[in-house]
Amino acid sequence: MYRLTTAGIDVGSSAIKVAVVDDEGDGGATLRATHVERLRRRDPRTVLRAVYERCLHDAGVSRDHLAYVASTGEGDVAEEVRTGHFYGMTSHARGALFLNPAARSVLDVGALHARAIVMNDMARVGAYRMTSQCAAGTGQFVENVARYLGVRLEEVGPLSLTATRAEPVSGICAVLAETDVINMVSRGVPTAEILRGIHESVALRLAKLLRSAKAKGPVLVTGGLAADSGLLDRLSARLQEDGALEVHTHPLSIYAGAIGAALWGAFRHRRLETAPKLTDDTVVA
């Protein structure tokens, strides 16, 4: 089996992630480069072009060298560069398996939604659940609270871990929870205790989501909150209450969707080569 170089582009609501992968076709693959850029109210297509070119430069490849460019997430943004598009759950499952071959479930915590995905050892999705429209279990909610408290995102997790207790917050919706935070600040509640309370609230929602999907372990957390050590600590504690699921993260968890899209792109390319009568679908389940 020969090697293919492919790119995956994961367009999220707050950031764009790109990965370039060498796929050997026999289950082996090497990650050549990754890059991420937050949108920060900029035009997504402009940001995508910059992130894409930077990642190709870091990987030492040209556009012509790529066998397939796969998008996932908000795929329309990548129309000018993509070969085809893959569903987010499919991409995150494949990327999670690449990062942690033992994983059998994925908890993708993005800016606006969280998804629990159950998969097999071939990254085929068997079941999934998503959060409702409320943002209380998402990255944007945590980011909003951090901004109000004057804490940088990378400081949120470590600061939460220093708290000896959690200040209870509303788990009903993001608006009520943020109102709670305002009241806590006015009462002089320490920032670490507020953050631990926020993490307790988010972890409760995410644990329910995993149970609803009948998740199997180990669980790999992907998306922006995968790097939040305070949240992972509270989520692990919640899931251990009923016996249960091991929760893992990875330094490259934020790129799981982009990596998975790149790997599925290589798979799709080979399928098209061996079955020339097929056409390249723009969406693959």
Protein backbone atom coordinates (compact mmCIF):
# COMPACT_ATOMS: atom_id res chain seq x y z
CA MET A 1 0.00 0.00 0.00
CA TYR A 2 1.39 3.41 -0.93
CA ARG A 3 1.44 6.57 1.16
CA LEU A 4 -1.05 9.40 0.68
CA THR A 5 -0.70 12.91 2.07
CA THR A 6 -4.03 14.50 2.94
CA ALA A 7 -5.29 17.55 4.81
CA GLY A 8 -8.22 17.91 7.18
CA ILE A 9 -9.94 21.21 7.95
CA ASP A 10 -12.23 21.48 10.98
CA VAL A 11 -14.25 24.70 10.87
CA GLY A 12 -15.75 25.37 14.28
CA SER A 13 -17.82 28.27 15.52
CA SER A 14 -14.88 29.86 17.34
CA ALA A 15 -11.74 28.43 15.69
CA ILE A 16 -10.42 26.72 12.57
CA LYS A 17 -8.11 23.73 12.90
CA VAL A 18 -6.03 22.16 10.11
CA ALA A 19 -4.03 18.92 10.09
CA VAL A 20 -1.79 17.36 7.43
CA VAL A 21 -1.38 13.59 7.61
CA ASP A 22 0.64 10.91 5.82
CA ASP A 23 -1.60 7.85 5.53
CA GLU A 24 0.04 4.49 4.77
CA GLY A 25 -3.23 2.72 3.94
CA ASP A 26 -2.65 -0.23 6.26
CA GLY A 27 -3.78 1.42 9.46
CA GLY A 28 -0.57 3.38 9.89
CA ALA A 29 -0.46 7.16 9.70
CA THR A 30 1.87 10.00 10.64
CA LEU A 31 0.83 13.50 11.61
CA ARG A 32 2.98 15.99 9.71
CA ALA A 33 1.64 19.33 10.97
CA THR A 34 -1.24 21.02 12.78
CA HIS A 35 -2.33 24.62 13.17
CA VAL A 36 -5.23 26.40 14.84
CA GLU A 37 -6.50 29.97 14.69
CA ARG A 38 -9.36 31.55 16.61
CA LEU A 39 -11.86 33.48 14.52
CA ARG A 40 -12.25 36.47 16.85
CA ARG A 41 -15.07 37.96 14.73
CA ARG A 42 -12.98 37.83 11.55
CA ASP A 43 -14.16 36.53 8.20
CA PRO A 44 -13.91 32.70 8.46
CA ARG A 45 -12.76 32.28 4.86
CA THR A 46 -9.90 34.73 5.34
CA VAL A 47 -8.83 32.95 8.54
CA LEU A 48 -9.12 29.55 6.86
CA ARG A 49 -6.83 30.54 3.99
CA ALA A 50 -4.17 31.74 6.43
CA VAL A 51 -4.38 28.67 8.67
CA TYR A 52 -4.38 26.30 5.71
CA GLU A 53 -1.32 27.86 4.08
CA ARG A 54 0.55 27.98 7.40
CA CYS A 55 -0.12 24.30 8.04
CA LEU A 56 0.99 23.30 4.54
CA HIS A 57 4.17 25.34 5.03
CA ASP A 58 4.87 23.66 8.38
CA ALA A 59 4.27 20.25 6.80
CA GLY A 60 6.60 21.05 3.91
CA VAL A 61 4.02 20.22 1.23
CA SER A 62 2.29 22.13 -1.55
CA ARG A 63 -1.38 22.03 -2.47
CA ASP A 64 -0.55 19.92 -5.51
CA HIS A 65 1.08 17.32 -3.25
CA LEU A 66 -2.18 16.61 -1.41
CA ALA A 67 -4.23 13.62 -2.56
CA TYR A 68 -7.37 14.82 -0.75
CA VAL A 69 -8.52 17.84 1.27
CA ALA A 70 -11.38 16.99 3.64
CA SER A 71 -13.51 19.45 5.57
CA THR A 72 -15.66 18.89 8.63
CA GLY A 73 -17.77 21.17 10.81
CA GLU A 74 -19.02 24.23 8.94
CA GLY A 75 -17.86 22.84 5.62
CA ASP A 76 -19.19 25.62 3.38
CA VAL A 77 -16.37 27.86 4.61
CA ALA A 78 -13.84 25.45 3.04
CA GLU A 79 -15.56 25.10 -0.33
CA GLU A 80 -12.74 26.71 -2.29
CA VAL A 81 -10.09 24.23 -1.10
CA ARG A 82 -11.86 21.03 -0.10
CA THR A 83 -12.25 17.83 -2.09
CA GLY A 84 -15.08 16.48 0.04
CA HIS A 85 -16.84 16.84 3.38
CA PHE A 86 -17.29 14.49 6.36
CA TYR A 87 -19.73 14.69 9.25
CA GLY A 88 -18.29 16.01 12.51
CA MET A 89 -19.09 12.90 14.55
CA THR A 90 -17.42 10.65 11.98
CA SER A 91 -14.32 12.86 11.91
CA HIS A 92 -13.99 13.18 15.69
CA ALA A 93 -14.38 9.42 16.12
CA ARG A 94 -11.58 8.70 13.65
CA GLY A 95 -9.34 11.42 15.04
CA ALA A 96 -9.90 10.23 18.60
CA LEU A 97 -8.94 6.68 17.64
CA PHE A 98 -5.74 8.00 16.04
CA LEU A 99 -4.83 9.89 19.23
CA ASN A 100 -5.88 7.07 21.58
CA PRO A 101 -6.36 3.65 19.95
CA ALA A 102 -8.02 2.33 23.12
CA ALA A 103 -10.79 4.95 23.07
CA ARG A 104 -14.33 3.69 22.49
CA SER A 105 -16.18 6.93 23.15
CA VAL A 106 -15.59 10.59 22.40
CA LEU A 107 -16.79 13.62 24.30
CA ASP A 108 -16.48 16.54 21.90
CA VAL A 109 -16.93 19.80 23.82
CA GLY A 110 -17.02 22.66 21.35
CA ALA A 111 -17.83 26.33 21.72
CA LEU A 112 -21.59 25.95 21.19
CA HIS A 113 -22.39 22.24 21.56
CA ALA A 114 -21.18 19.09 23.27
CA ARG A 115 -21.48 15.62 21.74
CA ALA A 116 -21.07 12.15 23.21
CA ILE A 117 -20.08 9.65 20.51
CA VAL A 118 -19.81 5.87 20.89
CA MET A 119 -17.67 4.04 18.34
CA ASN A 120 -16.02 0.71 17.61
CA ASP A 121 -12.36 -0.07 16.96
CA MET A 122 -12.82 0.96 13.30
CA ALA A 123 -14.12 4.43 14.30
CA ARG A 124 -17.63 3.58 13.13
CA VAL A 125 -20.19 5.59 15.09
CA GLY A 126 -22.75 3.42 16.86
CA ALA A 127 -24.60 5.98 18.98
CA TYR A 128 -24.45 9.62 19.93
CA ARG A 129 -26.14 12.33 21.95
CA MET A 130 -25.89 16.12 21.76
CA THR A 131 -26.58 18.86 24.25
CA SER A 132 -29.67 21.01 23.84
CA GLN A 133 -29.54 24.60 22.61
CA CYS A 134 -28.54 25.88 26.06
CA ALA A 135 -24.84 26.80 26.18
CA ALA A 136 -24.28 25.86 29.84
CA GLY A 137 -22.23 22.78 28.96
CA THR A 138 -20.03 24.32 26.29
CA GLY A 139 -16.76 26.11 25.74
CA GLN A 140 -18.39 29.47 25.06
CA PHE A 141 -20.04 29.40 28.48
CA VAL A 142 -16.72 28.74 30.25
CA GLU A 143 -15.03 31.41 28.15
CA ASN A 144 -17.72 33.98 29.00
CA VAL A 145 -17.34 33.28 32.73
CA ALA A 146 -13.54 33.49 32.51
CA ARG A 147 -13.76 36.81 30.69
CA TYR A 148 -16.07 38.22 33.36
CA LEU A 149 -13.73 37.04 36.11
CA GLY A 150 -10.68 38.45 34.31
CA VAL A 151 -9.00 35.04 34.01
CA ARG A 152 -7.19 33.83 30.89
CA LEU A 153 -8.54 30.59 29.44
CA GLU A 154 -5.29 28.71 30.02
CA GLU A 155 -5.45 29.69 33.72
CA VAL A 156 -9.02 28.48 34.29
CA GLY A 157 -8.23 24.80 34.83
CA PRO A 158 -5.18 25.16 37.11
CA LEU A 159 -6.93 27.85 39.19
CA SER A 160 -10.02 25.67 39.64
CA LEU A 161 -7.83 22.83 40.92
CA THR A 162 -6.55 25.01 43.77
CA ALA A 163 -10.04 25.42 45.27
CA THR A 164 -10.89 23.39 48.38
CA ARG A 165 -14.61 23.74 47.76
CA ALA A 166 -16.99 24.55 44.92
CA GLU A 167 -19.42 27.45 45.04
CA PRO A 168 -22.72 26.02 43.71
CA VAL A 169 -24.07 27.56 40.51
CA SER A 170 -27.25 27.06 38.53
CA GLY A 171 -27.05 24.15 36.10
CA ILE A 172 -30.33 25.06 34.44
CA CYS A 173 -29.05 27.42 31.76
CA ALA A 174 -26.11 29.63 30.88
CA VAL A 175 -27.96 32.88 31.60
CA LEU A 176 -28.89 31.86 35.15
CA ALA A 177 -25.41 30.49 35.80
CA GLU A 178 -23.76 33.70 34.64
CA THR A 179 -26.14 35.67 36.88
CA ASP A 180 -24.98 33.46 39.76
CA VAL A 181 -21.37 34.32 38.95
CA ILE A 182 -22.13 38.05 39.06
CA ASN A 183 -23.73 37.61 42.49
CA MET A 184 -20.78 35.55 43.73
CA VAL A 185 -18.29 38.23 42.72
CA SER A 186 -20.34 40.87 44.53
CA ARG A 187 -20.31 38.66 47.65
CA GLY A 188 -16.54 38.26 47.49
CA VAL A 189 -16.45 34.54 46.71
CA PRO A 190 -12.88 33.55 45.69
CA THR A 191 -12.39 33.15 41.96
CA ALA A 192 -11.03 29.60 42.33
CA GLU A 193 -14.20 28.48 44.14
CA ILE A 194 -16.39 30.07 41.46
CA LEU A 195 -14.49 28.26 38.72
CA ARG A 196 -14.70 24.95 40.53
CA GLY A 197 -18.45 25.47 40.87
CA ILE A 198 -18.68 26.18 37.14
CA HIS A 199 -16.72 23.02 36.40
CA GLU A 200 -18.98 20.99 38.70
CA SER A 201 -22.03 22.29 36.84
CA VAL A 202 -20.59 21.61 33.36
CA ALA A 203 -19.28 18.17 34.41
CA LEU A 204 -22.74 17.21 35.66
CA ARG A 205 -24.24 17.99 32.26
CA LEU A 206 -21.50 16.20 30.35
CA ALA A 207 -21.68 13.10 32.57
CA LYS A 208 -25.43 12.88 31.92
CA LEU A 209 -24.76 13.21 28.20
CA LEU A 210 -22.30 10.31 28.26
CA ARG A 211 -24.67 8.13 30.25
CA SER A 212 -27.51 8.95 27.87
CA ALA A 213 -25.38 7.78 24.94
CA LYS A 214 -24.45 4.61 26.87
CA ALA A 215 -20.81 5.52 26.43
CA LYS A 216 -18.10 2.89 26.79
CA GLY A 217 -14.63 3.49 28.09
CA PRO A 218 -12.10 4.80 27.70
CA VAL A 219 -13.53 8.21 26.78
CA LEU A 220 -11.35 10.73 24.96
CA VAL A 221 -12.32 14.37 25.40
CA THR A 222 -11.89 16.48 22.26
CA GLY A 223 -12.66 20.08 21.35
CA GLY A 224 -11.61 23.29 23.04
CA LEU A 225 -12.33 22.21 26.62
CA ALA A 226 -10.17 19.10 26.32
CA ALA A 227 -7.29 21.16 27.74
CA ASP A 228 -9.25 22.36 30.78
CA SER A 229 -7.69 20.38 33.64
CA GLY A 230 -10.26 21.62 36.16
CA LEU A 231 -13.17 20.36 34.07
CA LEU A 232 -11.49 17.00 33.42
CA ASP A 233 -10.92 16.56 37.15
CA ARG A 234 -14.58 17.20 37.98
CA LEU A 235 -15.83 15.07 35.08
CA SER A 236 -13.65 12.14 36.13
CA ALA A 237 -14.99 12.43 39.67
CA ARG A 238 -18.60 12.46 38.41
CA LEU A 239 -18.13 9.41 36.23
CA GLN A 240 -16.36 7.44 38.96
CA GLU A 241 -19.41 7.81 41.18
CA ASP A 242 -21.21 5.07 39.27
CA GLY A 243 -18.29 2.88 38.58
CA ALA A 244 -17.24 3.82 35.57
CA LEU A 245 -15.75 5.52 32.66
CA GLU A 246 -12.09 6.46 32.37
CA VAL A 247 -11.70 9.97 30.98
CA HIS A 248 -8.63 10.86 28.95
CA THR A 249 -7.36 13.81 26.99
CA HIS A 250 -4.42 14.35 24.64
CA PRO A 251 -2.22 17.36 23.85
CA LEU A 252 -3.64 17.29 20.30
CA SER A 253 -7.29 16.71 21.27
CA ILE A 254 -8.34 20.04 19.78
CA TYR A 255 -7.25 18.70 16.36
CA ALA A 256 -9.22 15.44 16.54
CA GLY A 257 -11.80 16.56 13.98
CA ALA A 258 -9.20 17.81 11.51
CA ILE A 259 -7.05 14.69 11.91
CA GLY A 260 -10.05 12.42 11.49
CA ALA A 261 -11.21 14.27 8.37
CA ALA A 262 -7.74 13.92 6.83
CA LEU A 263 -7.68 10.18 7.53
CA TRP A 264 -11.18 9.62 6.15
CA GLY A 265 -10.11 11.63 3.11
CA ALA A 266 -7.30 9.14 2.45
CA PHE A 267 -9.74 6.26 2.86
CA ARG A 268 -12.19 7.88 0.46
CA HIS A 269 -9.46 8.57 -2.09
CA ARG A 270 -8.44 4.92 -2.16
CA ARG A 271 -12.06 3.79 -2.46
CA LEU A 272 -12.56 6.05 -5.48
CA GLU A 273 -9.41 4.73 -7.11
CA THR A 274 -10.49 1.11 -6.76
CA ALA A 275 -14.12 1.80 -7.77
CA PRO A 276 -13.91 4.34 -10.62
CA LYS A 277 -17.66 4.25 -11.22
CA LEU A 278 -18.26 5.95 -7.91
CA THR A 279 -18.48 9.73 -7.69
CA ASP A 280 -16.97 11.69 -4.88
CA ASP A 281 -19.84 12.45 -2.49
CA THR A 282 -19.59 15.80 -0.79
CA VAL A 283 -20.97 14.33 2.43
CA VAL A 284 -20.04 10.99 3.96
CA ALA A 285 -21.96 9.59 6.91
